């Protein structure tokens, strides 16, 4: 027995209940359900009732997000405008986007606080987790997965994690809440097949059986769970209630996945893409992934996408009439070589051309009479402000679509940067998610207003 005395002068009480083992399991039907550390537990998922309306505006409009990171960035002197505000003169790169000037905002002087380490910072582009190059670093949940956890049940795919020339197992923009890397899909044909090619009945049934094995966890341990709740205090009963609710919520999500398996996939007026076999066809791969993102949003197959353009892992690339003389990474360390700078400028301008094409395609698609771009937020940027020196400050950032008042250059202090995660909070709120926090955010994005 153990005696505990309160500090407020109340009489002591005698506790006779044995403490629960930290490693405690509920067992049933071959299922083991581990319990949380009760005094420290927070729910793994928000309850479904708070998520039904998420992902839409009050008028019922679905909102979408794609985060795109080119991990070798852009030549800063060619990207950033010299003037602030709406009357800025487009820089050479932004001149490529001039047709869509009123559809995007360009930011300067932004970065992720304490995200350093050069190249490893690409893994933190959508997480803003600090010090990625340090020993023992553990990543946090990425913006796309945060969205997917809360509104992913509304679409066939909670999220899509895409990539081009990605160093698999090392790099990704998508990370779970426990800091686990989600591998990138690199073949556009496979992404297309998942979204639009219907499997046979046998394949559907096999997938459903896989989902069934993860269901009815609480049903198998229901009796033990009730007994346990009777033996703990009121505060821990509340925490167990939250925990079991979250497990139930997971089961419901699995049930929704099961139902999606029986729903016919959408039909699109597009053929299966042909993936280039050679990583030198980097720009062709980028275009294909933009096409997959557009089709995913157009068919409402998902509302959250990440796309990593792994330029670090790309060789000498070829596109249009351009053939670079060196690997993309080596070119980025140009040392002010005129030849290398000229090649990088050609690469960067082509990136802007492909981005302009994506804007145009999303504007051409109508959803309830509105351009799809107005319902789609596009975050385009890099973890590096300057790949030549590996700095992670003053990140080149374009934010397009989503129903905001664009057409401006919002300039912050390039020496003492403004936190880019504030934009993430704004994006989450635009998705219909009630939150004022994400990573190191200090609020919403200053100077950015909804249309």
Protein backbone atom coordinates (compact mmCIF):
# COMPACT_ATOMS: atom_id res chain seq x y z
CA UNK A 1 0.00 0.00 0.00
CA UNK A 2 1.02 3.57 -0.64
CA UNK A 3 -0.02 6.73 1.19
CA UNK A 4 -0.32 10.01 -0.72
CA UNK A 5 -0.77 13.43 0.87
CA UNK A 6 -2.13 16.42 -1.05
CA UNK A 7 -0.23 19.69 -0.81
CA UNK A 8 -3.42 21.68 -0.22
CA UNK A 9 -3.85 20.30 3.28
CA UNK A 10 -6.50 17.72 2.52
CA UNK A 11 -6.40 14.51 4.46
CA UNK A 12 -4.22 11.76 3.03
CA UNK A 13 -5.77 8.77 1.38
CA UNK A 14 -4.61 5.20 1.08
CA UNK A 15 -4.24 3.76 -2.40
CA UNK A 16 -4.79 0.04 -2.51
CA UNK A 17 -5.02 -0.47 -6.28
CA UNK A 18 -1.94 -1.98 -7.91
CA UNK A 19 -0.43 0.18 -10.62
CA UNK A 20 -0.84 -0.90 -14.23
CA UNK A 21 2.15 -2.25 -16.04
CA UNK A 22 3.45 0.20 -18.64
CA UNK A 23 3.64 -2.68 -21.10
CA UNK A 24 0.02 -3.74 -20.97
CA UNK A 25 -1.92 -5.54 -23.69
CA UNK A 26 -5.50 -6.53 -24.28
CA UNK A 27 -5.72 -9.93 -25.92
CA UNK A 28 -8.44 -11.55 -27.96
CA UNK A 29 -8.92 -13.65 -31.09
CA UNK A 30 -5.21 -13.53 -31.81
CA UNK A 31 -5.15 -9.72 -31.59
CA UNK A 32 -2.88 -7.74 -29.29
CA UNK A 33 -3.92 -4.15 -28.57
CA UNK A 34 -1.28 -2.23 -26.65
CA UNK A 35 -2.35 0.48 -24.25
CA UNK A 36 -0.97 4.00 -24.20
CA UNK A 37 0.97 5.51 -21.34
CA UNK A 38 -2.19 6.86 -19.78
CA UNK A 39 -0.86 9.96 -18.10
CA UNK A 40 0.71 11.18 -21.33
CA UNK A 41 -1.65 9.96 -24.02
CA UNK A 42 -3.22 12.17 -26.67
CA UNK A 43 -5.59 10.80 -29.28
CA UNK A 44 -4.00 9.53 -32.46
CA UNK A 45 -6.86 10.83 -34.60
CA UNK A 46 -9.48 13.51 -34.20
CA UNK A 47 -12.96 12.05 -33.84
CA UNK A 48 -14.87 11.63 -37.05
CA UNK A 49 -17.61 14.09 -36.09
CA UNK A 50 -15.15 16.97 -36.22
CA UNK A 51 -13.87 15.98 -39.63
CA UNK A 52 -17.06 15.56 -41.64
CA UNK A 53 -17.02 19.15 -42.89
CA UNK A 54 -13.23 19.44 -43.10
CA UNK A 55 -11.64 19.93 -46.47
CA UNK A 56 -14.41 22.21 -47.67
CA UNK A 57 -15.36 25.84 -47.27
CA UNK A 58 -18.67 26.74 -45.57
CA UNK A 59 -20.23 26.73 -49.03
CA UNK A 60 -19.24 23.10 -49.51
CA UNK A 61 -16.39 23.73 -51.94
CA UNK A 62 -13.66 21.08 -51.75
CA UNK A 63 -10.16 22.49 -51.20
CA UNK A 64 -6.93 20.85 -52.28
CA UNK A 65 -3.19 21.21 -51.74
CA UNK A 66 0.00 20.17 -53.52
CA UNK A 67 3.44 20.86 -52.08
CA UNK A 68 6.29 20.78 -54.62
CA UNK A 69 9.96 20.92 -53.64
CA UNK A 70 12.88 21.20 -56.05
CA UNK A 71 15.69 20.35 -53.65
CA UNK A 72 18.32 22.28 -55.63
CA UNK A 73 16.25 25.42 -55.70
CA UNK A 74 16.56 28.26 -58.19
CA UNK A 75 19.21 30.86 -58.92
CA UNK A 76 18.16 33.58 -56.44
CA UNK A 77 19.30 36.54 -58.55
CA UNK A 78 17.09 35.30 -61.39
CA UNK A 79 14.08 34.51 -59.19
CA UNK A 80 13.43 37.27 -56.63
CA UNK A 81 11.86 40.56 -57.77
CA UNK A 82 13.55 43.77 -56.67
CA UNK A 83 10.31 45.60 -55.75
CA UNK A 84 7.78 44.71 -53.07
CA UNK A 85 3.99 44.77 -53.39
CA UNK A 86 1.64 44.44 -56.36
CA UNK A 87 3.55 46.67 -58.75
CA UNK A 88 6.74 44.63 -58.76
CA UNK A 89 8.69 44.14 -61.97
CA UNK A 90 8.85 40.41 -62.73
CA UNK A 91 12.26 38.82 -62.42
CA UNK A 92 13.54 36.78 -65.38
CA UNK A 93 12.02 33.58 -63.97
CA UNK A 94 8.71 35.17 -63.01
CA UNK A 95 8.48 36.64 -66.51
CA UNK A 96 7.88 33.04 -67.67
CA UNK A 97 4.80 33.01 -65.39
CA UNK A 98 3.54 36.46 -66.41
CA UNK A 99 0.33 35.10 -67.96
CA UNK A 100 -0.66 33.91 -64.48
CA UNK A 101 0.65 36.89 -62.50
CA UNK A 102 -2.66 37.41 -60.67
CA UNK A 103 -2.86 33.72 -59.76
CA UNK A 104 0.21 33.52 -57.52
CA UNK A 105 2.14 35.29 -54.79
CA UNK A 106 5.92 35.25 -54.56
CA UNK A 107 7.63 35.38 -51.16
CA UNK A 108 11.15 36.41 -50.21
CA UNK A 109 12.79 36.42 -46.80
CA UNK A 110 11.06 33.24 -45.61
CA UNK A 111 12.47 30.03 -44.17
CA UNK A 112 11.82 27.27 -41.67
CA UNK A 113 13.23 28.33 -38.27
CA UNK A 114 16.16 26.13 -37.16
CA UNK A 115 15.95 23.92 -40.25
CA UNK A 116 19.58 23.77 -41.27
CA UNK A 117 21.96 21.10 -42.55
CA UNK A 118 21.93 21.80 -46.28
CA UNK A 119 20.67 18.90 -48.38
CA UNK A 120 18.98 16.93 -45.54
CA UNK A 121 16.59 19.89 -45.15
CA UNK A 122 14.54 18.67 -48.13
CA UNK A 123 13.00 16.05 -45.86
CA UNK A 124 11.70 18.93 -43.73
CA UNK A 125 10.20 21.02 -46.52
CA UNK A 126 6.66 20.10 -45.43
CA UNK A 127 7.43 19.31 -41.77
CA UNK A 128 9.68 22.22 -40.66
CA UNK A 129 11.26 19.88 -38.09
CA UNK A 130 14.47 21.52 -36.76
CA UNK A 131 18.08 20.43 -37.28
CA UNK A 132 17.64 17.59 -39.80
CA UNK A 133 21.37 17.06 -40.10
CA UNK A 134 21.91 16.46 -36.39
CA UNK A 135 22.56 13.10 -34.77
CA UNK A 136 19.39 11.50 -33.50
CA UNK A 137 17.15 13.70 -35.65
CA UNK A 138 13.54 12.55 -35.85
CA UNK A 139 11.15 14.06 -38.31
CA UNK A 140 7.59 15.18 -37.56
CA UNK A 141 4.34 14.96 -39.49
CA UNK A 142 4.30 16.62 -42.90
CA UNK A 143 1.65 19.06 -44.02
CA UNK A 144 0.19 16.69 -46.60
CA UNK A 145 -0.13 13.85 -44.07
CA UNK A 146 -1.64 16.17 -41.46
CA UNK A 147 -4.32 16.99 -44.02
CA UNK A 148 -4.69 13.37 -45.10
CA UNK A 149 -5.26 12.17 -41.53
CA UNK A 150 -8.12 14.62 -41.09
CA UNK A 151 -9.94 14.66 -44.41
CA UNK A 152 -8.49 11.66 -46.26
CA UNK A 153 -11.68 9.69 -45.66
CA UNK A 154 -13.49 11.98 -48.11
CA UNK A 155 -11.56 10.67 -51.13
CA UNK A 156 -10.34 7.33 -52.46
CA UNK A 157 -6.75 8.20 -51.50
CA UNK A 158 -6.05 10.14 -48.28
CA UNK A 159 -2.93 11.54 -49.97
CA UNK A 160 -0.48 10.89 -52.78
CA UNK A 161 3.29 10.98 -52.29
CA UNK A 162 5.00 11.52 -55.64
CA UNK A 163 8.61 11.95 -56.71
CA UNK A 164 11.02 12.35 -59.61
CA UNK A 165 14.44 10.63 -59.56
CA UNK A 166 14.09 10.19 -55.80
CA UNK A 167 16.78 8.51 -53.73
CA UNK A 168 14.39 5.98 -52.23
CA UNK A 169 14.56 5.33 -48.50
CA UNK A 170 16.52 8.54 -47.98
CA UNK A 171 14.31 11.35 -49.26
CA UNK A 172 10.61 12.14 -49.22
CA UNK A 173 8.38 15.12 -48.50
CA UNK A 174 5.82 12.92 -46.71
CA UNK A 175 6.30 11.81 -43.11
CA UNK A 176 3.94 10.24 -40.59
CA UNK A 177 3.17 11.61 -37.16
CA UNK A 178 5.75 9.22 -35.69
CA UNK A 179 8.44 10.47 -38.06
CA UNK A 180 8.42 7.58 -40.53
CA UNK A 181 9.31 8.29 -44.17
CA UNK A 182 6.58 7.53 -46.73
CA UNK A 183 8.21 6.37 -49.99
CA UNK A 184 7.55 8.32 -53.17
CA UNK A 185 5.68 6.91 -56.14
CA UNK A 186 7.99 7.54 -59.11
CA UNK A 187 6.16 5.85 -61.98
CA UNK A 188 3.33 7.89 -63.43
CA UNK A 189 1.90 4.73 -65.02
CA UNK A 190 1.55 3.09 -61.60
CA UNK A 191 -0.12 6.20 -60.16
CA UNK A 192 -2.51 6.29 -63.13
CA UNK A 193 -3.35 2.61 -62.68
CA UNK A 194 -4.09 3.05 -58.97
CA UNK A 195 -6.41 5.96 -59.68
CA UNK A 196 -8.23 4.86 -62.82
CA UNK A 197 -7.76 1.20 -63.80
CA UNK A 198 -10.34 -1.08 -62.25
CA UNK A 199 -9.06 -4.40 -60.93
CA UNK A 200 -10.76 -7.74 -61.46
CA UNK A 201 -13.37 -8.96 -58.98
CA UNK A 202 -10.83 -11.41 -57.57
CA UNK A 203 -8.30 -8.60 -57.03
CA UNK A 204 -10.94 -6.46 -55.34
CA UNK A 205 -11.95 -9.30 -53.00
CA UNK A 206 -8.30 -9.97 -52.13
CA UNK A 207 -7.80 -6.31 -51.20
CA UNK A 208 -10.97 -6.32 -49.12
CA UNK A 209 -9.77 -9.41 -47.23
CA UNK A 210 -6.57 -7.57 -46.36
CA UNK A 211 -8.62 -4.69 -44.97
CA UNK A 212 -10.89 -7.07 -43.04
CA UNK A 213 -7.95 -8.44 -41.04
CA UNK A 214 -7.42 -5.00 -39.51
CA UNK A 215 -11.03 -4.53 -38.45
CA UNK A 216 -12.99 -5.37 -35.30
CA UNK A 217 -9.95 -4.95 -33.05
CA UNK A 218 -12.01 -3.61 -30.16
CA UNK A 219 -14.73 -6.22 -30.67
CA UNK A 220 -12.14 -8.90 -29.95
CA UNK A 221 -11.03 -7.28 -26.69
CA UNK A 222 -14.28 -5.61 -25.64
CA UNK A 223 -14.72 -7.50 -22.37
CA UNK A 224 -11.18 -6.86 -21.17
CA UNK A 225 -11.45 -3.19 -22.14
CA UNK A 226 -14.58 -2.76 -20.00
CA UNK A 227 -12.94 -4.53 -17.06
CA UNK A 228 -9.89 -2.31 -17.36
CA UNK A 229 -11.96 0.88 -17.42
CA UNK A 230 -13.63 -0.18 -14.16
CA UNK A 231 -10.28 -0.59 -12.42
CA UNK A 232 -8.69 2.80 -13.17
CA UNK A 233 -9.36 6.30 -11.91
CA UNK A 234 -11.63 8.87 -13.52
CA UNK A 235 -8.83 10.71 -15.33
CA UNK A 236 -7.43 7.53 -16.83
CA UNK A 237 -10.93 6.41 -17.77
CA UNK A 238 -11.22 9.59 -19.81
CA UNK A 239 -7.89 8.89 -21.48
CA UNK A 240 -8.85 5.29 -22.22
CA UNK A 241 -12.12 6.56 -23.63
CA UNK A 242 -10.20 8.84 -25.96
CA UNK A 243 -7.84 6.03 -26.90
CA UNK A 244 -10.56 3.52 -27.69
CA UNK A 245 -12.42 6.22 -29.62
CA UNK A 246 -9.33 6.75 -31.75
CA UNK A 247 -9.05 3.00 -32.38
CA UNK A 248 -12.71 2.94 -33.37
CA UNK A 249 -12.06 5.85 -35.68
CA UNK A 250 -9.24 3.93 -37.33
CA UNK A 251 -11.58 1.00 -37.80
CA UNK A 252 -14.10 3.29 -39.44
CA UNK A 253 -11.42 4.55 -41.80
CA UNK A 254 -10.56 0.97 -42.68
CA UNK A 255 -14.25 0.34 -43.33
CA UNK A 256 -14.33 3.38 -45.63
CA UNK A 257 -11.30 2.00 -47.47
CA UNK A 258 -13.19 -1.26 -47.88
CA UNK A 259 -16.16 0.60 -49.35
CA UNK A 260 -13.90 2.50 -51.78
CA UNK A 261 -12.70 -0.85 -53.12
CA UNK A 262 -16.23 -1.60 -54.32
CA UNK A 263 -16.81 1.83 -55.85
CA UNK A 264 -15.99 2.10 -59.55
CA UNK A 265 -12.95 4.20 -60.29
CA UNK A 266 -13.46 7.41 -62.27
CA UNK A 267 -13.04 7.35 -66.03
CA UNK A 268 -10.79 9.95 -67.64
CA UNK A 269 -10.11 10.97 -71.20
CA UNK A 270 -6.43 10.08 -70.94
CA UNK A 271 -4.30 7.07 -71.72
CA UNK A 272 -1.82 5.30 -69.47
CA UNK A 273 1.36 7.41 -69.43
CA UNK A 274 4.62 6.03 -70.72
CA UNK A 275 7.33 6.51 -68.12
CA UNK A 276 10.79 7.45 -69.43
CA UNK A 277 13.32 4.77 -68.53
CA UNK A 278 16.27 7.17 -68.38
CA UNK A 279 16.63 9.56 -65.40
CA UNK A 280 18.11 12.06 -67.89
CA UNK A 281 14.52 12.64 -69.04
CA UNK A 282 13.99 14.55 -65.80
CA UNK A 283 11.73 17.26 -67.23
CA UNK A 284 9.51 14.72 -68.97
CA UNK A 285 9.06 12.99 -65.61
CA UNK A 286 8.20 16.28 -63.92
CA UNK A 287 5.52 16.99 -66.54
CA UNK A 288 4.01 13.52 -66.12
CA UNK A 289 3.76 13.98 -62.35
CA UNK A 290 2.09 17.35 -62.82
CA UNK A 291 -0.38 15.60 -65.13
CA UNK A 292 -1.06 12.95 -62.47
CA UNK A 293 -1.64 15.63 -59.83
CA UNK A 294 -4.07 17.47 -62.09
CA UNK A 295 -6.00 14.29 -62.87
CA UNK A 296 -6.12 13.37 -59.18
CA UNK A 297 -7.62 16.73 -58.27
CA UNK A 298 -9.90 16.84 -61.30
CA UNK A 299 -11.47 13.50 -60.32
CA UNK A 300 -11.36 14.30 -56.58
CA UNK A 301 -9.30 11.15 -56.04
CA UNK A 302 -7.33 12.94 -53.31
CA UNK A 303 -7.02 16.43 -51.88
CA UNK A 304 -3.46 16.26 -50.61
CA UNK A 305 -0.33 15.66 -52.69
CA UNK A 306 3.41 16.03 -52.14
CA UNK A 307 5.91 16.00 -55.00
CA UNK A 308 9.67 15.85 -54.48
CA UNK A 309 11.80 16.78 -57.47
CA UNK A 310 15.05 15.14 -56.38
CA UNK A 311 17.46 17.18 -58.44
CA UNK A 312 20.31 16.14 -56.13
CA UNK A 313 19.88 12.57 -57.37
CA UNK A 314 19.57 13.51 -61.04
CA UNK A 315 22.31 13.07 -63.67
CA UNK A 316 23.12 15.36 -66.57
CA UNK A 317 19.65 16.00 -67.95
CA UNK A 318 18.26 16.49 -71.44
CA UNK A 319 15.16 18.41 -72.49
CA UNK A 320 13.98 20.35 -75.54
CA UNK A 321 17.23 21.38 -77.26
CA UNK A 322 19.20 21.48 -74.00
CA UNK A 323 21.73 18.86 -72.95
CA UNK A 324 23.63 19.68 -69.78
CA UNK A 325 27.33 18.97 -69.52
CA UNK A 326 27.28 17.75 -65.92
CA UNK A 327 25.01 16.27 -63.27
CA UNK A 328 22.35 18.58 -61.87
CA UNK A 329 23.99 18.59 -58.42
CA UNK A 330 27.43 19.42 -59.76
CA UNK A 331 25.98 22.23 -61.84
CA UNK A 332 24.38 23.73 -58.72
CA UNK A 333 27.89 24.19 -57.28
CA UNK A 334 28.64 26.55 -60.10
CA UNK A 335 31.34 28.66 -58.46
CA UNK A 336 30.07 31.52 -60.66
CA UNK A 337 31.12 29.67 -63.80
CA UNK A 338 29.33 31.37 -66.70
CA UNK A 339 28.86 28.08 -68.52
CA UNK A 340 27.28 26.37 -65.50
CA UNK A 341 25.13 29.39 -64.68
CA UNK A 342 23.81 29.48 -68.23
CA UNK A 343 22.85 25.80 -68.04
CA UNK A 344 21.20 26.27 -64.65
CA UNK A 345 19.23 29.23 -65.99
CA UNK A 346 17.92 27.06 -68.83
CA UNK A 347 16.91 24.36 -66.34
CA UNK A 348 15.21 26.82 -64.00
CA UNK A 349 13.32 28.52 -66.81
CA UNK A 350 12.02 25.15 -67.96
CA UNK A 351 10.83 24.47 -64.41
CA UNK A 352 8.90 27.74 -64.58
CA UNK A 353 7.46 26.78 -67.97
CA UNK A 354 6.17 23.47 -66.62
CA UNK A 355 4.73 25.27 -63.60
CA UNK A 356 2.98 27.74 -65.91
CA UNK A 357 1.51 24.80 -67.84
CA UNK A 358 0.19 23.32 -64.58
CA UNK A 359 -1.45 26.63 -63.69
CA UNK A 360 -3.04 26.82 -67.14
CA UNK A 361 -4.37 23.28 -67.02
CA UNK A 362 -5.92 23.77 -63.58
CA UNK A 363 -7.51 27.03 -64.73
CA UNK A 364 -8.97 25.27 -67.76
CA UNK A 365 -10.72 22.61 -65.64
CA UNK A 366 -14.06 23.74 -64.20
CA UNK A 367 -15.62 22.48 -61.00
CA UNK A 368 -19.15 23.80 -60.36
CA UNK A 369 -18.36 26.60 -62.79
CA UNK A 370 -15.15 27.68 -61.03
CA UNK A 371 -11.56 27.17 -62.20
CA UNK A 372 -10.01 24.22 -60.39
CA UNK A 373 -6.98 26.41 -59.64
CA UNK A 374 -9.18 28.58 -57.39
CA UNK A 375 -9.78 25.50 -55.24
CA UNK A 376 -6.22 24.19 -55.40
CA UNK A 377 -3.33 25.59 -53.38
CA UNK A 378 0.06 25.09 -55.00
CA UNK A 379 3.16 25.58 -52.88
CA UNK A 380 6.30 25.57 -55.02
CA UNK A 381 9.74 26.11 -53.56
CA UNK A 382 12.92 24.64 -52.21
CA UNK A 383 14.60 23.79 -48.93
CA UNK A 384 17.69 25.67 -50.18
CA UNK A 385 17.87 29.42 -50.62
CA UNK A 386 21.09 28.98 -52.57
CA UNK A 387 22.27 25.52 -53.59
CA UNK A 388 25.76 26.81 -54.37
CA UNK A 389 26.33 27.60 -50.68
CA UNK A 390 23.82 25.16 -49.13
CA UNK A 391 22.05 27.90 -47.15
CA UNK A 392 18.51 27.11 -46.02
CA UNK A 393 17.37 30.71 -45.56
CA UNK A 394 15.55 33.03 -47.98
CA UNK A 395 13.86 30.07 -49.64
CA UNK A 396 12.41 30.79 -53.11
CA UNK A 397 8.66 30.37 -52.66
CA UNK A 398 5.67 30.64 -54.95
CA UNK A 399 2.15 30.17 -53.61
CA UNK A 400 -0.59 29.89 -56.22
CA UNK A 401 -4.33 29.34 -56.46
CA UNK A 402 -6.61 28.40 -53.59
CA UNK A 403 -8.83 31.48 -53.74
CA UNK A 404 -6.43 34.11 -52.37
CA UNK A 405 -5.73 37.70 -53.43
CA UNK A 406 -2.56 37.08 -55.39
CA UNK A 407 -0.53 39.16 -57.83
CA UNK A 408 2.02 40.42 -55.31
CA UNK A 409 5.54 40.05 -53.99
CA UNK A 410 5.50 39.81 -50.19
CA UNK A 411 9.03 40.63 -49.08
CA UNK A 412 10.29 39.91 -45.58
CA UNK A 413 13.73 40.53 -44.07
CA UNK A 414 16.26 38.41 -45.95
CA UNK A 415 18.60 38.41 -42.95
CA UNK A 416 16.04 37.74 -40.22
CA UNK A 417 13.52 35.57 -42.00
CA UNK A 418 9.80 35.27 -41.47
CA UNK A 419 8.58 31.73 -40.60
CA UNK A 420 7.24 29.92 -43.67
CA UNK A 421 5.24 27.51 -41.44
CA UNK A 422 2.84 30.44 -40.91
CA UNK A 423 1.79 29.83 -44.51
CA UNK A 424 1.08 26.21 -43.60
CA UNK A 425 -1.38 27.34 -40.91
CA UNK A 426 -3.10 29.58 -43.46
CA UNK A 427 -3.31 26.64 -45.86
CA UNK A 428 -4.77 24.35 -43.20
CA UNK A 429 -7.40 26.90 -42.33
CA UNK A 430 -8.24 27.30 -46.01
CA UNK A 431 -8.72 23.53 -46.12
CA UNK A 432 -11.42 23.94 -43.48
CA UNK A 433 -9.30 22.63 -40.60
CA UNK A 434 -9.63 24.51 -37.33
CA UNK A 435 -6.08 25.02 -36.12
CA UNK A 436 -3.72 27.87 -35.34
CA UNK A 437 -0.59 25.74 -34.98
CA UNK A 438 1.72 23.72 -37.16
CA UNK A 439 5.39 23.03 -36.48
CA UNK A 440 7.14 26.33 -35.62
CA UNK A 441 4.36 28.59 -36.89
CA UNK A 442 3.68 31.78 -34.95
CA UNK A 443 0.30 32.48 -36.56
CA UNK A 444 -1.03 32.82 -40.10
CA UNK A 445 0.81 34.27 -43.10
CA UNK A 446 1.09 38.03 -42.90
CA UNK A 447 0.01 39.98 -45.99
CA UNK A 448 -1.93 37.10 -47.58
CA UNK A 449 -5.70 37.52 -47.82
CA UNK A 450 -8.48 35.30 -49.10
CA UNK A 451 -10.33 36.49 -52.19
